[in-house]
Amino acid sequence: MPLRLLACQILVPGMTQREEKMAHVRRVASEIDKIVTKAPVDMIVLPELSTIDYSRDAFSRLSDLAEPIGGPTSDIFAELAKRHSAYVVFGMPRVENDAFYISQIVLGPDGEPVGFYDKIHVAQFGASMEKEFFERGRHLFIFDVGGYRVAPIICYDIRAPELTRTLCIDSGADLILHCGAYGRDESFYSWHHFTVTRAMENMVYLLSLNRAGSFYGSSIFCGPWVDENHPESVLPVEETFRIFDVDIGTLKKMRERYPFLRDRLQNYGDLVRQIAS
């Protein structure tokens, strides 16, 4: 059976107060509830830091806006998960021992936490200022949904090929959930190229989900093979909720047809020879 997921490219308003954050979270949950009531899905996915504005003003208020897992934001999304028997993957600033992390939280269909991933590569260039406020993560995370292996990564992580290689080759990921906050700075143009490359070189499905708005938008979904007959799907800049299917049959067919993974060597370092000066 295909794995059906709802990609939620949401608008996130400016905010510095906890009450503003909770009003935003309740609005998003209500919008998702209306969509999934009509079109059931297996998984609901939201972007990086989906609960707060991506700005210095918001980050300077992390003491009010960040939460541990099991806080009021988790409670709202847990009710959504239980009501629709679906996994919910959402981004929020997570606090632990007075340190802040950019995290993707995974809730199961029973509303209980399945696990979380903290962003390993914290960005400090272009429109990003994360190292001033957040610690980097220390672990990778992969979970199973209906026979599919799913792994979350966050924004800047996609530029480290070793990370997705490890998740796909060593841990057997079938779907990468790449949740970001891609502003239209100097890194925006190359983002889609990285997404297509990571999907094809690892022969996996990859959802690269941005937030909505004229400065953001253009989320992209790729299958394990991309060409003129199997194009990637790109969303507009507006708030958009789109359902995508991940199909294990297509994965197996593409992996059988194209031998990239079978032909790779286990170790390329042994092939390096000293170049004579």
Protein backbone atom coordinates (compact mmCIF):
# COMPACT_ATOMS: atom_id res chain seq x y z
CA MET A 1 0.00 0.00 0.00
CA PRO A 2 1.28 3.51 -0.76
CA LEU A 3 2.15 5.78 2.13
CA ARG A 4 0.02 8.90 1.82
CA LEU A 5 1.38 12.11 3.31
CA LEU A 6 0.03 15.65 3.61
CA ALA A 7 2.68 18.32 3.00
CA CYS A 8 1.68 21.50 4.85
CA GLN A 9 3.42 24.57 3.40
CA ILE A 10 2.00 26.95 5.99
CA LEU A 11 2.12 30.67 6.56
CA VAL A 12 3.78 31.62 9.84
CA PRO A 13 3.04 35.14 11.13
CA GLY A 14 5.45 37.38 12.98
CA MET A 15 5.31 36.76 16.71
CA THR A 16 7.15 37.33 19.96
CA GLN A 17 4.51 36.23 22.49
CA ARG A 18 3.43 32.75 23.59
CA GLU A 19 -0.24 33.63 23.06
CA GLU A 20 0.47 34.56 19.43
CA LYS A 21 2.26 31.26 18.94
CA MET A 22 -0.59 29.21 20.35
CA ALA A 23 -3.17 31.05 18.23
CA HIS A 24 -1.06 30.23 15.16
CA VAL A 25 -0.75 26.55 16.13
CA ARG A 26 -4.50 26.25 16.71
CA ARG A 27 -5.23 27.82 13.31
CA VAL A 28 -2.89 25.45 11.51
CA ALA A 29 -4.31 22.41 13.31
CA SER A 30 -7.84 23.52 12.39
CA GLU A 31 -6.91 23.88 8.70
CA ILE A 32 -5.29 20.46 8.66
CA ASP A 33 -8.26 18.92 10.44
CA LYS A 34 -10.64 20.13 7.72
CA ILE A 35 -8.45 18.75 4.94
CA VAL A 36 -7.74 15.35 6.48
CA THR A 37 -11.39 14.85 7.44
CA LYS A 38 -12.19 14.83 3.72
CA ALA A 39 -9.00 13.12 2.52
CA PRO A 40 -7.42 10.76 5.09
CA VAL A 41 -3.64 10.43 5.11
CA ASP A 42 -1.05 8.35 6.93
CA MET A 43 1.24 11.24 7.83
CA ILE A 44 0.98 15.01 8.29
CA VAL A 45 4.22 16.97 7.81
CA LEU A 46 4.99 20.57 8.75
CA PRO A 47 8.16 22.59 8.08
CA GLU A 48 11.13 23.56 10.22
CA LEU A 49 10.22 25.72 13.23
CA SER A 50 6.60 25.61 12.04
CA THR A 51 5.32 26.96 15.37
CA ILE A 52 7.23 30.28 15.35
CA ASP A 53 8.40 33.06 13.07
CA TYR A 54 11.89 32.61 11.64
CA SER A 55 13.39 35.90 12.82
CA ARG A 56 15.83 37.40 15.26
CA ASP A 57 12.91 38.94 17.16
CA ALA A 58 11.30 35.54 17.68
CA PHE A 59 14.59 33.79 18.46
CA SER A 60 15.40 36.37 21.12
CA ARG A 61 12.16 35.27 22.86
CA LEU A 62 12.92 31.55 22.92
CA SER A 63 12.55 31.48 26.69
CA ASP A 64 8.83 32.11 26.07
CA LEU A 65 8.36 30.42 22.67
CA ALA A 66 10.33 27.18 23.05
CA GLU A 67 8.81 24.09 24.67
CA PRO A 68 9.79 20.60 25.76
CA ILE A 69 8.16 17.62 24.06
CA GLY A 70 4.79 17.13 25.71
CA GLY A 71 4.05 20.84 26.02
CA PRO A 72 0.89 22.63 24.83
CA THR A 73 1.89 22.55 21.13
CA SER A 74 2.47 18.79 21.28
CA ASP A 75 -0.93 18.44 22.97
CA ILE A 76 -2.70 20.18 20.08
CA PHE A 77 -0.97 18.09 17.43
CA ALA A 78 -1.47 14.93 19.52
CA GLU A 79 -5.23 15.48 19.39
CA LEU A 80 -4.97 15.90 15.63
CA ALA A 81 -2.97 12.67 15.35
CA LYS A 82 -5.47 10.71 17.43
CA ARG A 83 -8.51 12.11 15.66
CA HIS A 84 -7.21 11.04 12.26
CA SER A 85 -5.05 8.03 13.23
CA ALA A 86 -2.11 9.68 11.49
CA TYR A 87 1.51 10.44 12.28
CA VAL A 88 2.23 14.14 12.77
CA VAL A 89 5.72 15.52 12.12
CA PHE A 90 6.15 19.16 13.12
CA GLY A 91 9.00 21.58 13.73
CA MET A 92 9.42 23.63 16.88
CA PRO A 93 12.13 25.18 19.07
CA ARG A 94 12.76 22.53 21.72
CA VAL A 95 14.17 23.36 25.16
CA GLU A 96 16.13 20.92 27.28
CA ASN A 97 18.34 21.80 30.26
CA ASP A 98 18.17 25.51 29.36
CA ALA A 99 19.50 24.82 25.82
CA PHE A 100 17.47 25.35 22.64
CA TYR A 101 17.33 23.05 19.62
CA ILE A 102 15.70 23.24 16.18
CA SER A 103 13.69 20.02 16.31
CA GLN A 104 11.29 17.91 14.28
CA ILE A 105 8.92 16.07 16.62
CA VAL A 106 7.19 12.86 15.52
CA LEU A 107 3.87 11.88 17.12
CA GLY A 108 2.25 8.52 16.44
CA PRO A 109 -1.40 7.85 15.55
CA ASP A 110 -2.08 7.43 19.27
CA GLY A 111 -0.77 10.94 19.92
CA GLU A 112 2.27 9.68 21.79
CA PRO A 113 5.81 10.84 20.91
CA VAL A 114 7.66 8.44 18.61
CA GLY A 115 10.88 10.41 18.73
CA PHE A 116 12.56 13.62 17.62
CA TYR A 117 15.43 14.89 15.55
CA ASP A 118 17.51 17.96 16.44
CA LYS A 119 19.10 19.84 13.54
CA ILE A 120 22.75 18.81 13.34
CA HIS A 121 23.99 21.49 10.90
CA VAL A 122 23.02 24.84 12.43
CA ALA A 123 23.08 27.60 9.81
CA GLN A 124 24.79 30.97 10.15
CA PHE A 125 24.87 32.57 6.69
CA GLY A 126 22.53 34.47 4.38
CA ALA A 127 19.19 34.99 6.15
CA SER A 128 20.14 32.53 8.92
CA MET A 129 21.35 33.41 12.42
CA GLU A 130 20.88 30.08 14.20
CA LYS A 131 24.25 29.64 15.90
CA GLU A 132 23.53 32.68 18.02
CA PHE A 133 20.53 30.95 19.62
CA PHE A 134 20.55 27.17 19.09
CA GLU A 135 22.72 24.17 19.94
CA ARG A 136 23.33 21.52 17.30
CA GLY A 137 21.80 18.05 17.48
CA ARG A 138 23.75 14.93 18.44
CA HIS A 139 21.81 12.05 16.88
CA LEU A 140 20.01 10.86 13.76
CA PHE A 141 16.51 9.39 13.93
CA ILE A 142 14.57 7.00 11.74
CA PHE A 143 11.11 5.51 12.27
CA ASP A 144 8.77 3.03 10.59
CA VAL A 145 5.34 3.84 9.14
CA GLY A 146 3.41 1.00 7.52
CA GLY A 147 6.52 -0.78 6.29
CA TYR A 148 8.30 2.38 5.14
CA ARG A 149 11.47 3.70 6.79
CA VAL A 150 11.21 7.46 7.30
CA ALA A 151 13.96 9.86 8.36
CA PRO A 152 13.64 13.59 9.17
CA ILE A 153 16.41 16.06 8.39
CA ILE A 154 16.28 19.85 8.59
CA CYS A 155 17.14 22.57 6.05
CA TYR A 156 20.96 23.05 5.99
CA ASP A 157 21.42 19.29 6.64
CA ILE A 158 20.78 18.52 2.96
CA ARG A 159 24.10 20.06 1.99
CA ALA A 160 25.99 17.27 3.79
CA PRO A 161 25.72 14.23 1.47
CA GLU A 162 27.19 11.94 4.14
CA LEU A 163 24.13 12.50 6.34
CA THR A 164 21.53 11.34 3.82
CA ARG A 165 23.89 8.59 2.63
CA THR A 166 24.08 7.25 6.17
CA LEU A 167 20.31 7.33 6.62
CA CYS A 168 19.61 5.66 3.27
CA ILE A 169 22.47 3.16 2.91
CA ASP A 170 23.14 2.22 6.54
CA SER A 171 19.60 2.56 7.94
CA GLY A 172 17.48 1.78 4.87
CA ALA A 173 15.45 4.99 4.66
CA ASP A 174 12.77 5.00 1.94
CA LEU A 175 11.56 8.56 2.55
CA ILE A 176 13.51 11.63 3.68
CA LEU A 177 11.45 14.40 5.26
CA HIS A 178 13.56 17.49 4.67
CA CYS A 179 11.80 20.26 6.55
CA GLY A 180 13.19 23.75 6.07
CA ALA A 181 12.76 27.49 6.37
CA TYR A 182 14.30 28.44 3.03
CA GLY A 183 14.34 32.21 2.68
CA ARG A 184 15.17 33.73 -0.69
CA ASP A 185 18.79 34.52 0.06
CA GLU A 186 21.86 33.41 -1.91
CA SER A 187 21.29 29.75 -1.00
CA PHE A 188 17.71 29.58 -2.32
CA TYR A 189 18.55 28.98 -5.99
CA SER A 190 20.58 25.81 -5.38
CA TRP A 191 18.15 24.27 -2.87
CA HIS A 192 16.08 22.35 -5.46
CA HIS A 193 19.22 21.04 -7.14
CA PHE A 194 20.40 19.55 -3.86
CA THR A 195 16.95 18.03 -3.28
CA VAL A 196 16.80 16.27 -6.64
CA THR A 197 20.39 15.09 -6.30
CA ARG A 198 19.89 13.61 -2.82
CA ALA A 199 16.72 11.79 -3.95
CA MET A 200 18.32 10.31 -7.06
CA GLU A 201 21.75 9.43 -5.69
CA ASN A 202 20.11 7.52 -2.82
CA MET A 203 17.10 6.24 -4.83
CA VAL A 204 14.57 7.45 -2.25
CA TYR A 205 11.52 9.67 -2.03
CA LEU A 206 12.29 13.12 -0.68
CA LEU A 207 9.88 15.80 0.51
CA SER A 208 11.61 19.17 0.93
CA LEU A 209 9.02 21.27 2.74
CA ASN A 210 9.29 25.03 3.17
CA ARG A 211 7.03 27.54 4.89
CA ALA A 212 4.75 29.70 2.72
CA GLY A 213 5.04 33.36 1.75
CA SER A 214 6.66 35.56 -0.88
CA PHE A 215 10.06 35.21 0.86
CA TYR A 216 9.70 31.41 1.17
CA GLY A 217 7.49 28.89 -0.70
CA SER A 218 8.32 26.51 -3.56
CA SER A 219 8.43 23.25 -1.58
CA ILE A 220 9.47 20.28 -3.71
CA PHE A 221 8.64 16.56 -3.73
CA CYS A 222 10.86 14.08 -5.62
CA GLY A 223 10.60 10.40 -6.35
CA PRO A 224 13.62 8.08 -6.54
CA TRP A 225 14.04 8.94 -10.23
CA VAL A 226 13.46 12.36 -11.81
CA ASP A 227 13.26 13.05 -15.54
CA GLU A 228 10.85 14.58 -18.06
CA ASN A 229 8.48 11.63 -17.57
CA HIS A 230 8.84 11.54 -13.79
CA PRO A 231 9.12 15.23 -12.85
CA GLU A 232 9.46 16.64 -9.38
CA SER A 233 6.42 18.47 -7.93
CA VAL A 234 6.94 22.09 -6.90
CA LEU A 235 4.43 24.06 -4.83
CA PRO A 236 3.66 27.78 -5.30
CA VAL A 237 4.61 30.41 -2.71
CA GLU A 238 1.13 30.63 -1.14
CA GLU A 239 -0.04 28.54 1.79
CA THR A 240 -0.62 25.13 0.23
CA PHE A 241 -1.66 21.73 1.50
CA ARG A 242 -0.78 18.94 -0.94
CA ILE A 243 -1.11 15.16 -0.69
CA PHE A 244 1.70 12.99 -2.06
CA ASP A 245 2.01 9.20 -2.30
CA VAL A 246 5.14 7.20 -1.55
CA ASP A 247 5.00 3.82 -3.27
CA ILE A 248 7.24 0.90 -2.33
CA GLY A 249 6.59 -0.73 -5.72
CA THR A 250 8.01 2.29 -7.51
CA LEU A 251 11.02 2.31 -5.20
CA LYS A 252 11.78 -1.35 -5.94
CA LYS A 253 11.29 -0.89 -9.68
CA MET A 254 13.59 2.12 -9.91
CA ARG A 255 16.25 0.52 -7.73
CA GLU A 256 16.16 -2.58 -9.94
CA ARG A 257 16.23 -0.61 -13.19
CA TYR A 258 19.08 1.72 -12.25
CA PRO A 259 22.14 0.09 -10.64
CA PHE A 260 23.58 3.15 -8.86
CA LEU A 261 23.42 1.68 -5.37
CA ARG A 262 24.56 -1.80 -6.44
CA ASP A 263 27.54 -0.45 -8.38
CA ARG A 264 28.90 1.78 -5.63
CA LEU A 265 32.03 0.62 -3.80
CA GLN A 266 32.08 0.19 -0.05
CA ASN A 267 35.23 2.25 0.37
CA TYR A 268 36.70 4.80 -2.03
CA GLY A 269 39.39 5.95 0.40
CA ASP A 270 41.48 2.85 -0.33
CA LEU A 271 41.72 3.93 -3.99
CA VAL A 272 43.47 7.22 -3.23
CA ARG A 273 47.13 7.18 -4.20
CA GLN A 274 49.83 9.70 -3.40
CA ILE A 275 50.31 12.08 -6.32
CA ALA A 276 53.96 12.58 -7.12
CA SER A 277 55.13 16.15 -6.70
